[in-house]
């Protein structure tokens, strides 16, 4: 999990694994306890 402007790219059945990543990068439910989410999350 890294900050800054993040771009998530998913194709076909490769889309589902990106959903939890989008959630945690946006600052919701992060496992590592970091309180500063990515500056932006674009999928």
ModelCIF file with pLDDT and N, C-alpha, C, O atoms, coordinates in Angstrom:
data_MODEL
#
_entry.id   MODEL 
#
_entity.id                         1 
_entity.type                       polymer 
_entity.pdbx_number_of_molecules   1 
#
_entity_poly.entity_id                      1 
_entity_poly.type                           'polypeptide(L)' 
_entity_poly.nstd_linkage                   no 
_entity_poly.nstd_monomer                   no 
_entity_poly.pdbx_seq_one_letter_code       
;(UNK)(UNK)(UNK)(UNK)(UNK)(UNK)(UNK)(UNK)(UNK)(UNK)(UNK)(UNK)(UNK)(UNK)(UNK)(UNK)
(UNK)(UNK)(UNK)(UNK)(UNK)(UNK)(UNK)(UNK)(UNK)(UNK)(UNK)(UNK)(UNK)(UNK)(UNK)(UNK)
(UNK)(UNK)(UNK)(UNK)(UNK)(UNK)(UNK)(UNK)(UNK)(UNK)(UNK)
;
_entity_poly.pdbx_seq_one_letter_code_can   XXXXXXXXXXXXXXXXXXXXXXXXXXXXXXXXXXXXXXXXXXX 
_entity_poly.pdbx_strand_id                 A 
#
loop_
_entity_poly_seq.entity_id 
_entity_poly_seq.num 
_entity_poly_seq.mon_id 
_entity_poly_seq.hetero 
1 1  UNK n 
1 2  UNK n 
1 3  UNK n 
1 4  UNK n 
1 5  UNK n 
1 6  UNK n 
1 7  UNK n 
1 8  UNK n 
1 9  UNK n 
1 10 UNK n 
1 11 UNK n 
1 12 UNK n 
1 13 UNK n 
1 14 UNK n 
1 15 UNK n 
1 16 UNK n 
1 17 UNK n 
1 18 UNK n 
1 19 UNK n 
1 20 UNK n 
1 21 UNK n 
1 22 UNK n 
1 23 UNK n 
1 24 UNK n 
1 25 UNK n 
1 26 UNK n 
1 27 UNK n 
1 28 UNK n 
1 29 UNK n 
1 30 UNK n 
1 31 UNK n 
1 32 UNK n 
1 33 UNK n 
1 34 UNK n 
1 35 UNK n 
1 36 UNK n 
1 37 UNK n 
1 38 UNK n 
1 39 UNK n 
1 40 UNK n 
1 41 UNK n 
1 42 UNK n 
1 43 UNK n 
#
_struct_asym.id          A 
_struct_asym.entity_id   1 
#
loop_
_ma_qa_metric.id 
_ma_qa_metric.mode 
_ma_qa_metric.name 
_ma_qa_metric.software_group_id 
_ma_qa_metric.type 
1 global pLDDT . pLDDT 
2 local  pLDDT . pLDDT 
#
_ma_qa_metric_global.metric_id      1 
_ma_qa_metric_global.metric_value   86.84 
_ma_qa_metric_global.model_id       1 
_ma_qa_metric_global.ordinal_id     1 
#
loop_
_ma_qa_metric_local.label_asym_id 
_ma_qa_metric_local.label_comp_id 
_ma_qa_metric_local.label_seq_id 
_ma_qa_metric_local.metric_id 
_ma_qa_metric_local.metric_value 
_ma_qa_metric_local.model_id 
_ma_qa_metric_local.ordinal_id 
A UNK 1  2 91.00 1 1  
A UNK 2  2 88.00 1 2  
A UNK 3  2 83.00 1 3  
A UNK 4  2 91.00 1 4  
A UNK 5  2 95.00 1 5  
A UNK 6  2 97.00 1 6  
A UNK 7  2 98.00 1 7  
A UNK 8  2 98.00 1 8  
A UNK 9  2 98.00 1 9  
A UNK 10 2 98.00 1 10 
A UNK 11 2 97.00 1 11 
A UNK 12 2 96.00 1 12 
A UNK 13 2 95.00 1 13 
A UNK 14 2 96.00 1 14 
A UNK 15 2 98.00 1 15 
A UNK 16 2 97.00 1 16 
A UNK 17 2 96.00 1 17 
A UNK 18 2 97.00 1 18 
A UNK 19 2 98.00 1 19 
A UNK 20 2 97.00 1 20 
A UNK 21 2 96.00 1 21 
A UNK 22 2 96.00 1 22 
A UNK 23 2 95.00 1 23 
A UNK 24 2 93.00 1 24 
A UNK 25 2 93.00 1 25 
A UNK 26 2 91.00 1 26 
A UNK 27 2 84.00 1 27 
A UNK 28 2 70.00 1 28 
A UNK 29 2 61.00 1 29 
A UNK 30 2 64.00 1 30 
A UNK 31 2 61.00 1 31 
A UNK 32 2 63.00 1 32 
A UNK 33 2 58.00 1 33 
A UNK 34 2 61.00 1 34 
A UNK 35 2 57.00 1 35 
A UNK 36 2 65.00 1 36 
A UNK 37 2 75.00 1 37 
A UNK 38 2 80.00 1 38 
A UNK 39 2 84.00 1 39 
A UNK 40 2 92.00 1 40 
A UNK 41 2 96.00 1 41 
A UNK 42 2 97.00 1 42 
A UNK 43 2 98.00 1 43 
#
loop_
_atom_site.group_PDB 
_atom_site.id 
_atom_site.type_symbol 
_atom_site.label_atom_id 
_atom_site.label_alt_id 
_atom_site.label_comp_id 
_atom_site.label_asym_id 
_atom_site.label_entity_id 
_atom_site.label_seq_id 
_atom_site.pdbx_PDB_ins_code 
_atom_site.Cartn_x 
_atom_site.Cartn_y 
_atom_site.Cartn_z 
_atom_site.occupancy 
_atom_site.B_iso_or_equiv 
_atom_site.pdbx_formal_charge 
_atom_site.auth_seq_id 
_atom_site.auth_comp_id 
_atom_site.auth_asym_id 
_atom_site.auth_atom_id 
_atom_site.pdbx_PDB_model_num 
ATOM 1   N N  . UNK A 1 1  ? 0.844   -1.190  0.000   1.00 91.00 ? 1  UNK A N  1 
ATOM 2   C CA . UNK A 1 1  ? 0.000   0.000   0.000   1.00 91.00 ? 1  UNK A CA 1 
ATOM 3   C C  . UNK A 1 1  ? 0.881   1.243   0.000   1.00 91.00 ? 1  UNK A C  1 
ATOM 4   O O  . UNK A 1 1  ? 1.676   1.444   0.918   1.00 91.00 ? 1  UNK A O  1 
ATOM 5   N N  . UNK A 1 2  ? 0.742   2.069   -1.019  1.00 88.00 ? 2  UNK A N  1 
ATOM 6   C CA . UNK A 1 2  ? 1.564   3.263   -1.154  1.00 88.00 ? 2  UNK A CA 1 
ATOM 7   C C  . UNK A 1 2  ? 0.682   4.477   -1.416  1.00 88.00 ? 2  UNK A C  1 
ATOM 8   O O  . UNK A 1 2  ? -0.410  4.369   -1.972  1.00 88.00 ? 2  UNK A O  1 
ATOM 9   N N  . UNK A 1 3  ? 1.184   5.629   -1.000  1.00 83.00 ? 3  UNK A N  1 
ATOM 10  C CA . UNK A 1 3  ? 0.425   6.861   -1.155  1.00 83.00 ? 3  UNK A CA 1 
ATOM 11  C C  . UNK A 1 3  ? 0.598   7.472   -2.532  1.00 83.00 ? 3  UNK A C  1 
ATOM 12  O O  . UNK A 1 3  ? 1.060   6.820   -3.469  1.00 83.00 ? 3  UNK A O  1 
ATOM 13  N N  . UNK A 1 4  ? 0.217   8.741   -2.633  1.00 91.00 ? 4  UNK A N  1 
ATOM 14  C CA . UNK A 1 4  ? 0.285   9.426   -3.915  1.00 91.00 ? 4  UNK A CA 1 
ATOM 15  C C  . UNK A 1 4  ? -0.938  9.169   -4.772  1.00 91.00 ? 4  UNK A C  1 
ATOM 16  O O  . UNK A 1 4  ? -1.966  8.700   -4.283  1.00 91.00 ? 4  UNK A O  1 
ATOM 17  N N  . UNK A 1 5  ? -0.820  9.477   -6.050  1.00 95.00 ? 5  UNK A N  1 
ATOM 18  C CA . UNK A 1 5  ? -1.907  9.221   -6.997  1.00 95.00 ? 5  UNK A CA 1 
ATOM 19  C C  . UNK A 1 5  ? -1.792  7.773   -7.467  1.00 95.00 ? 5  UNK A C  1 
ATOM 20  O O  . UNK A 1 5  ? -0.777  7.377   -8.038  1.00 95.00 ? 5  UNK A O  1 
ATOM 21  N N  . UNK A 1 6  ? -2.828  6.997   -7.224  1.00 97.00 ? 6  UNK A N  1 
ATOM 22  C CA . UNK A 1 6  ? -2.778  5.579   -7.569  1.00 97.00 ? 6  UNK A CA 1 
ATOM 23  C C  . UNK A 1 6  ? -3.752  5.275   -8.694  1.00 97.00 ? 6  UNK A C  1 
ATOM 24  O O  . UNK A 1 6  ? -4.863  5.800   -8.750  1.00 97.00 ? 6  UNK A O  1 
ATOM 25  N N  . UNK A 1 7  ? -3.293  4.405   -9.590  1.00 98.00 ? 7  UNK A N  1 
ATOM 26  C CA . UNK A 1 7  ? -4.099  3.973   -10.728 1.00 98.00 ? 7  UNK A CA 1 
ATOM 27  C C  . UNK A 1 7  ? -4.249  2.464   -10.637 1.00 98.00 ? 7  UNK A C  1 
ATOM 28  O O  . UNK A 1 7  ? -3.262  1.732   -10.703 1.00 98.00 ? 7  UNK A O  1 
ATOM 29  N N  . UNK A 1 8  ? -5.492  1.995   -10.484 1.00 98.00 ? 8  UNK A N  1 
ATOM 30  C CA . UNK A 1 8  ? -5.796  0.574   -10.392 1.00 98.00 ? 8  UNK A CA 1 
ATOM 31  C C  . UNK A 1 8  ? -6.354  0.116   -11.726 1.00 98.00 ? 8  UNK A C  1 
ATOM 32  O O  . UNK A 1 8  ? -7.291  0.715   -12.254 1.00 98.00 ? 8  UNK A O  1 
ATOM 33  N N  . UNK A 1 9  ? -5.774  -0.954  -12.275 1.00 98.00 ? 9  UNK A N  1 
ATOM 34  C CA . UNK A 1 9  ? -6.176  -1.428  -13.592 1.00 98.00 ? 9  UNK A CA 1 
ATOM 35  C C  . UNK A 1 9  ? -6.556  -2.900  -13.487 1.00 98.00 ? 9  UNK A C  1 
ATOM 36  O O  . UNK A 1 9  ? -5.735  -3.730  -13.097 1.00 98.00 ? 9  UNK A O  1 
ATOM 37  N N  . UNK A 1 10 ? -7.784  -3.220  -13.831 1.00 98.00 ? 10 UNK A N  1 
ATOM 38  C CA . UNK A 1 10 ? -8.255  -4.598  -13.775 1.00 98.00 ? 10 UNK A CA 1 
ATOM 39  C C  . UNK A 1 10 ? -8.906  -4.999  -15.076 1.00 98.00 ? 10 UNK A C  1 
ATOM 40  O O  . UNK A 1 10 ? -9.592  -4.198  -15.710 1.00 98.00 ? 10 UNK A O  1 
ATOM 41  N N  . UNK A 1 11 ? -8.688  -6.251  -15.478 1.00 97.00 ? 11 UNK A N  1 
ATOM 42  C CA . UNK A 1 11 ? -9.298  -6.755  -16.700 1.00 97.00 ? 11 UNK A CA 1 
ATOM 43  C C  . UNK A 1 11 ? -9.972  -8.084  -16.472 1.00 97.00 ? 11 UNK A C  1 
ATOM 44  O O  . UNK A 1 11 ? -9.351  -9.012  -15.955 1.00 97.00 ? 11 UNK A O  1 
ATOM 45  N N  . UNK A 1 12 ? -11.253 -8.198  -16.854 1.00 96.00 ? 12 UNK A N  1 
ATOM 46  C CA . UNK A 1 12 ? -11.979 -9.458  -16.723 1.00 96.00 ? 12 UNK A CA 1 
ATOM 47  C C  . UNK A 1 12 ? -12.035 -9.944  -15.296 1.00 96.00 ? 12 UNK A C  1 
ATOM 48  O O  . UNK A 1 12 ? -12.371 -9.179  -14.392 1.00 96.00 ? 12 UNK A O  1 
ATOM 49  N N  . UNK A 1 13 ? -11.707 -11.217 -15.077 1.00 95.00 ? 13 UNK A N  1 
ATOM 50  C CA . UNK A 1 13 ? -11.765 -11.774 -13.733 1.00 95.00 ? 13 UNK A CA 1 
ATOM 51  C C  . UNK A 1 13 ? -10.585 -11.289 -12.891 1.00 95.00 ? 13 UNK A C  1 
ATOM 52  O O  . UNK A 1 13 ? -10.461 -11.657 -11.723 1.00 95.00 ? 13 UNK A O  1 
ATOM 53  N N  . UNK A 1 14 ? -9.716  -10.457 -13.487 1.00 96.00 ? 14 UNK A N  1 
ATOM 54  C CA . UNK A 1 14 ? -8.687  -9.764  -12.720 1.00 96.00 ? 14 UNK A CA 1 
ATOM 55  C C  . UNK A 1 14 ? -9.200  -8.506  -12.048 1.00 96.00 ? 14 UNK A C  1 
ATOM 56  O O  . UNK A 1 14 ? -8.449  -7.829  -11.346 1.00 96.00 ? 14 UNK A O  1 
ATOM 57  N N  . UNK A 1 15 ? -10.460 -8.184  -12.249 1.00 98.00 ? 15 UNK A N  1 
ATOM 58  C CA . UNK A 1 15 ? -11.058 -7.013  -11.605 1.00 98.00 ? 15 UNK A CA 1 
ATOM 59  C C  . UNK A 1 15 ? -11.321 -7.241  -10.112 1.00 98.00 ? 15 UNK A C  1 
ATOM 60  O O  . UNK A 1 15 ? -10.980 -6.364  -9.319  1.00 98.00 ? 15 UNK A O  1 
ATOM 61  N N  . UNK A 1 16 ? -11.905 -8.364  -9.684  1.00 97.00 ? 16 UNK A N  1 
ATOM 62  C CA . UNK A 1 16 ? -12.235 -8.551  -8.266  1.00 97.00 ? 16 UNK A CA 1 
ATOM 63  C C  . UNK A 1 16 ? -11.085 -8.325  -7.292  1.00 97.00 ? 16 UNK A C  1 
ATOM 64  O O  . UNK A 1 16 ? -11.314 -7.706  -6.253  1.00 97.00 ? 16 UNK A O  1 
ATOM 65  N N  . UNK A 1 17 ? -9.850  -8.788  -7.559  1.00 96.00 ? 17 UNK A N  1 
ATOM 66  C CA . UNK A 1 17 ? -8.783  -8.569  -6.575  1.00 96.00 ? 17 UNK A CA 1 
ATOM 67  C C  . UNK A 1 17 ? -8.467  -7.102  -6.313  1.00 96.00 ? 17 UNK A C  1 
ATOM 68  O O  . UNK A 1 17 ? -7.838  -6.773  -5.307  1.00 96.00 ? 17 UNK A O  1 
ATOM 69  N N  . UNK A 1 18 ? -8.903  -6.213  -7.218  1.00 97.00 ? 18 UNK A N  1 
ATOM 70  C CA . UNK A 1 18 ? -8.584  -4.799  -7.066  1.00 97.00 ? 18 UNK A CA 1 
ATOM 71  C C  . UNK A 1 18 ? -9.543  -4.074  -6.132  1.00 97.00 ? 18 UNK A C  1 
ATOM 72  O O  . UNK A 1 18 ? -9.258  -2.952  -5.714  1.00 97.00 ? 18 UNK A O  1 
ATOM 73  N N  . UNK A 1 19 ? -10.679 -4.693  -5.792  1.00 98.00 ? 19 UNK A N  1 
ATOM 74  C CA . UNK A 1 19 ? -11.693 -3.988  -5.009  1.00 98.00 ? 19 UNK A CA 1 
ATOM 75  C C  . UNK A 1 19 ? -11.222 -3.732  -3.576  1.00 98.00 ? 19 UNK A C  1 
ATOM 76  O O  . UNK A 1 19 ? -11.351 -2.614  -3.076  1.00 98.00 ? 19 UNK A O  1 
ATOM 77  N N  . UNK A 1 20 ? -10.680 -4.748  -2.917  1.00 97.00 ? 20 UNK A N  1 
ATOM 78  C CA . UNK A 1 20 ? -10.168 -4.531  -1.553  1.00 97.00 ? 20 UNK A CA 1 
ATOM 79  C C  . UNK A 1 20 ? -9.015  -3.543  -1.570  1.00 97.00 ? 20 UNK A C  1 
ATOM 80  O O  . UNK A 1 20 ? -8.863  -2.750  -0.641  1.00 97.00 ? 20 UNK A O  1 
ATOM 81  N N  . UNK A 1 21 ? -8.208  -3.581  -2.610  1.00 96.00 ? 21 UNK A N  1 
ATOM 82  C CA . UNK A 1 21 ? -7.110  -2.629  -2.736  1.00 96.00 ? 21 UNK A CA 1 
ATOM 83  C C  . UNK A 1 21 ? -7.649  -1.206  -2.836  1.00 96.00 ? 21 UNK A C  1 
ATOM 84  O O  . UNK A 1 21 ? -7.140  -0.301  -2.175  1.00 96.00 ? 21 UNK A O  1 
ATOM 85  N N  . UNK A 1 22 ? -8.676  -1.006  -3.660  1.00 96.00 ? 22 UNK A N  1 
ATOM 86  C CA . UNK A 1 22 ? -9.288  0.328   -3.785  1.00 96.00 ? 22 UNK A CA 1 
ATOM 87  C C  . UNK A 1 22 ? -9.818  0.801   -2.440  1.00 96.00 ? 22 UNK A C  1 
ATOM 88  O O  . UNK A 1 22 ? -9.667  1.968   -2.077  1.00 96.00 ? 22 UNK A O  1 
ATOM 89  N N  . UNK A 1 23 ? -10.434 -0.102  -1.712  1.00 95.00 ? 23 UNK A N  1 
ATOM 90  C CA . UNK A 1 23 ? -11.003 0.246   -0.405  1.00 95.00 ? 23 UNK A CA 1 
ATOM 91  C C  . UNK A 1 23 ? -9.912  0.667   0.570   1.00 95.00 ? 23 UNK A C  1 
ATOM 92  O O  . UNK A 1 23 ? -10.048 1.679   1.258   1.00 95.00 ? 23 UNK A O  1 
ATOM 93  N N  . UNK A 1 24 ? -8.840  -0.099  0.631   1.00 93.00 ? 24 UNK A N  1 
ATOM 94  C CA . UNK A 1 24 ? -7.798  0.193   1.607   1.00 93.00 ? 24 UNK A CA 1 
ATOM 95  C C  . UNK A 1 24 ? -6.955  1.403   1.215   1.00 93.00 ? 24 UNK A C  1 
ATOM 96  O O  . UNK A 1 24 ? -6.514  2.154   2.085   1.00 93.00 ? 24 UNK A O  1 
ATOM 97  N N  . UNK A 1 25 ? -6.729  1.600   -0.076  1.00 93.00 ? 25 UNK A N  1 
ATOM 98  C CA . UNK A 1 25 ? -6.007  2.788   -0.514  1.00 93.00 ? 25 UNK A CA 1 
ATOM 99  C C  . UNK A 1 25 ? -6.805  4.059   -0.239  1.00 93.00 ? 25 UNK A C  1 
ATOM 100 O O  . UNK A 1 25 ? -6.231  5.128   -0.032  1.00 93.00 ? 25 UNK A O  1 
ATOM 101 N N  . UNK A 1 26 ? -8.128  3.937   -0.238  1.00 91.00 ? 26 UNK A N  1 
ATOM 102 C CA . UNK A 1 26 ? -8.968  5.104   0.040   1.00 91.00 ? 26 UNK A CA 1 
ATOM 103 C C  . UNK A 1 26 ? -9.044  5.398   1.536   1.00 91.00 ? 26 UNK A C  1 
ATOM 104 O O  . UNK A 1 26 ? -9.685  6.365   1.950   1.00 91.00 ? 26 UNK A O  1 
ATOM 105 N N  . UNK A 1 27 ? -8.386  4.557   2.353   1.00 84.00 ? 27 UNK A N  1 
ATOM 106 C CA . UNK A 1 27 ? -8.318  4.806   3.785   1.00 84.00 ? 27 UNK A CA 1 
ATOM 107 C C  . UNK A 1 27 ? -9.345  4.074   4.602   1.00 84.00 ? 27 UNK A C  1 
ATOM 108 O O  . UNK A 1 27 ? -9.466  4.325   5.801   1.00 84.00 ? 27 UNK A O  1 
ATOM 109 N N  . UNK A 1 28 ? -10.101 3.163   3.985   1.00 70.00 ? 28 UNK A N  1 
ATOM 110 C CA . UNK A 1 28 ? -11.158 2.437   4.687   1.00 70.00 ? 28 UNK A CA 1 
ATOM 111 C C  . UNK A 1 28 ? -10.660 1.039   5.040   1.00 70.00 ? 28 UNK A C  1 
ATOM 112 O O  . UNK A 1 28 ? -10.315 0.258   4.153   1.00 70.00 ? 28 UNK A O  1 
ATOM 113 N N  . UNK A 1 29 ? -10.623 0.723   6.337   1.00 61.00 ? 29 UNK A N  1 
ATOM 114 C CA . UNK A 1 29 ? -10.317 -0.630  6.779   1.00 61.00 ? 29 UNK A CA 1 
ATOM 115 C C  . UNK A 1 29 ? -8.909  -1.094  6.518   1.00 61.00 ? 29 UNK A C  1 
ATOM 116 O O  . UNK A 1 29 ? -8.697  -2.278  6.257   1.00 61.00 ? 29 UNK A O  1 
ATOM 117 N N  . UNK A 1 30 ? -7.924  -0.194  6.579   1.00 64.00 ? 30 UNK A N  1 
ATOM 118 C CA . UNK A 1 30 ? -6.562  -0.579  6.244   1.00 64.00 ? 30 UNK A CA 1 
ATOM 119 C C  . UNK A 1 30 ? -5.974  -1.510  7.291   1.00 64.00 ? 30 UNK A C  1 
ATOM 120 O O  . UNK A 1 30 ? -6.102  -1.277  8.493   1.00 64.00 ? 30 UNK A O  1 
ATOM 121 N N  . UNK A 1 31 ? -5.327  -2.567  6.816   1.00 61.00 ? 31 UNK A N  1 
ATOM 122 C CA . UNK A 1 31 ? -4.729  -3.558  7.701   1.00 61.00 ? 31 UNK A CA 1 
ATOM 123 C C  . UNK A 1 31 ? -3.515  -3.012  8.438   1.00 61.00 ? 31 UNK A C  1 
ATOM 124 O O  . UNK A 1 31 ? -3.283  -3.369  9.593   1.00 61.00 ? 31 UNK A O  1 
ATOM 125 N N  . UNK A 1 32 ? -2.732  -2.144  7.780   1.00 63.00 ? 32 UNK A N  1 
ATOM 126 C CA . UNK A 1 32 ? -1.476  -1.705  8.390   1.00 63.00 ? 32 UNK A CA 1 
ATOM 127 C C  . UNK A 1 32 ? -1.646  -0.546  9.363   1.00 63.00 ? 32 UNK A C  1 
ATOM 128 O O  . UNK A 1 32 ? -0.675  -0.094  9.970   1.00 63.00 ? 32 UNK A O  1 
ATOM 129 N N  . UNK A 1 33 ? -2.881  -0.063  9.513   1.00 58.00 ? 33 UNK A N  1 
ATOM 130 C CA . UNK A 1 33 ? -3.147  0.980   10.490  1.00 58.00 ? 33 UNK A CA 1 
ATOM 131 C C  . UNK A 1 33 ? -2.692  2.367   10.072  1.00 58.00 ? 33 UNK A C  1 
ATOM 132 O O  . UNK A 1 33 ? -2.797  3.305   10.862  1.00 58.00 ? 33 UNK A O  1 
ATOM 133 N N  . UNK A 1 34 ? -2.188  2.525   8.854   1.00 61.00 ? 34 UNK A N  1 
ATOM 134 C CA . UNK A 1 34 ? -1.747  3.831   8.382   1.00 61.00 ? 34 UNK A CA 1 
ATOM 135 C C  . UNK A 1 34 ? -2.962  4.728   8.186   1.00 61.00 ? 34 UNK A C  1 
ATOM 136 O O  . UNK A 1 34 ? -3.937  4.335   7.545   1.00 61.00 ? 34 UNK A O  1 
ATOM 137 N N  . UNK A 1 35 ? -2.899  5.932   8.740   1.00 57.00 ? 35 UNK A N  1 
ATOM 138 C CA . UNK A 1 35 ? -4.066  6.809   8.698   1.00 57.00 ? 35 UNK A CA 1 
ATOM 139 C C  . UNK A 1 35 ? -4.081  7.721   7.482   1.00 57.00 ? 35 UNK A C  1 
ATOM 140 O O  . UNK A 1 35 ? -5.051  8.451   7.276   1.00 57.00 ? 35 UNK A O  1 
ATOM 141 N N  . UNK A 1 36 ? -3.013  7.697   6.659   1.00 65.00 ? 36 UNK A N  1 
ATOM 142 C CA . UNK A 1 36 ? -2.945  8.584   5.505   1.00 65.00 ? 36 UNK A CA 1 
ATOM 143 C C  . UNK A 1 36 ? -3.182  7.776   4.234   1.00 65.00 ? 36 UNK A C  1 
ATOM 144 O O  . UNK A 1 36 ? -2.283  7.067   3.782   1.00 65.00 ? 36 UNK A O  1 
ATOM 145 N N  . UNK A 1 37 ? -4.361  7.868   3.658   1.00 75.00 ? 37 UNK A N  1 
ATOM 146 C CA . UNK A 1 37 ? -4.641  7.122   2.426   1.00 75.00 ? 37 UNK A CA 1 
ATOM 147 C C  . UNK A 1 37 ? -3.946  7.741   1.229   1.00 75.00 ? 37 UNK A C  1 
ATOM 148 O O  . UNK A 1 37 ? -3.315  8.793   1.335   1.00 75.00 ? 37 UNK A O  1 
ATOM 149 N N  . UNK A 1 38 ? -4.068  7.079   0.091   1.00 80.00 ? 38 UNK A N  1 
ATOM 150 C CA . UNK A 1 38 ? -3.528  7.629   -1.147  1.00 80.00 ? 38 UNK A CA 1 
ATOM 151 C C  . UNK A 1 38 ? -4.183  8.971   -1.453  1.00 80.00 ? 38 UNK A C  1 
ATOM 152 O O  . UNK A 1 38 ? -5.322  9.217   -1.057  1.00 80.00 ? 38 UNK A O  1 
ATOM 153 N N  . UNK A 1 39 ? -3.462  9.833   -2.154  1.00 84.00 ? 39 UNK A N  1 
ATOM 154 C CA . UNK A 1 39 ? -4.014  11.138  -2.509  1.00 84.00 ? 39 UNK A CA 1 
ATOM 155 C C  . UNK A 1 39 ? -5.240  10.992  -3.394  1.00 84.00 ? 39 UNK A C  1 
ATOM 156 O O  . UNK A 1 39 ? -6.200  11.752  -3.270  1.00 84.00 ? 39 UNK A O  1 
ATOM 157 N N  . UNK A 1 40 ? -5.202  10.010  -4.288  1.00 92.00 ? 40 UNK A N  1 
ATOM 158 C CA . UNK A 1 40 ? -6.350  9.748   -5.152  1.00 92.00 ? 40 UNK A CA 1 
ATOM 159 C C  . UNK A 1 40 ? -6.324  8.287   -5.576  1.00 92.00 ? 40 UNK A C  1 
ATOM 160 O O  . UNK A 1 40 ? -5.261  7.677   -5.694  1.00 92.00 ? 40 UNK A O  1 
ATOM 161 N N  . UNK A 1 41 ? -7.501  7.742   -5.802  1.00 96.00 ? 41 UNK A N  1 
ATOM 162 C CA . UNK A 1 41 ? -7.641  6.357   -6.268  1.00 96.00 ? 41 UNK A CA 1 
ATOM 163 C C  . UNK A 1 41 ? -8.490  6.385   -7.530  1.00 96.00 ? 41 UNK A C  1 
ATOM 164 O O  . UNK A 1 41 ? -9.671  6.730   -7.486  1.00 96.00 ? 41 UNK A O  1 
ATOM 165 N N  . UNK A 1 42 ? -7.887  6.022   -8.645  1.00 97.00 ? 42 UNK A N  1 
ATOM 166 C CA . UNK A 1 42 ? -8.584  5.969   -9.921  1.00 97.00 ? 42 UNK A CA 1 
ATOM 167 C C  . UNK A 1 42 ? -8.519  4.546   -10.443 1.00 97.00 ? 42 UNK A C  1 
ATOM 168 O O  . UNK A 1 42 ? -7.457  3.924   -10.436 1.00 97.00 ? 42 UNK A O  1 
ATOM 169 N N  . UNK A 1 43 ? -9.657  4.030   -10.896 1.00 98.00 ? 43 UNK A N  1 
ATOM 170 C CA . UNK A 1 43 ? -9.709  2.661   -11.407 1.00 98.00 ? 43 UNK A CA 1 
ATOM 171 C C  . UNK A 1 43 ? -10.053 2.660   -12.887 1.00 98.00 ? 43 UNK A C  1 
ATOM 172 O O  . UNK A 1 43 ? -10.144 1.596   -13.499 1.00 98.00 ? 43 UNK A O  1 
#
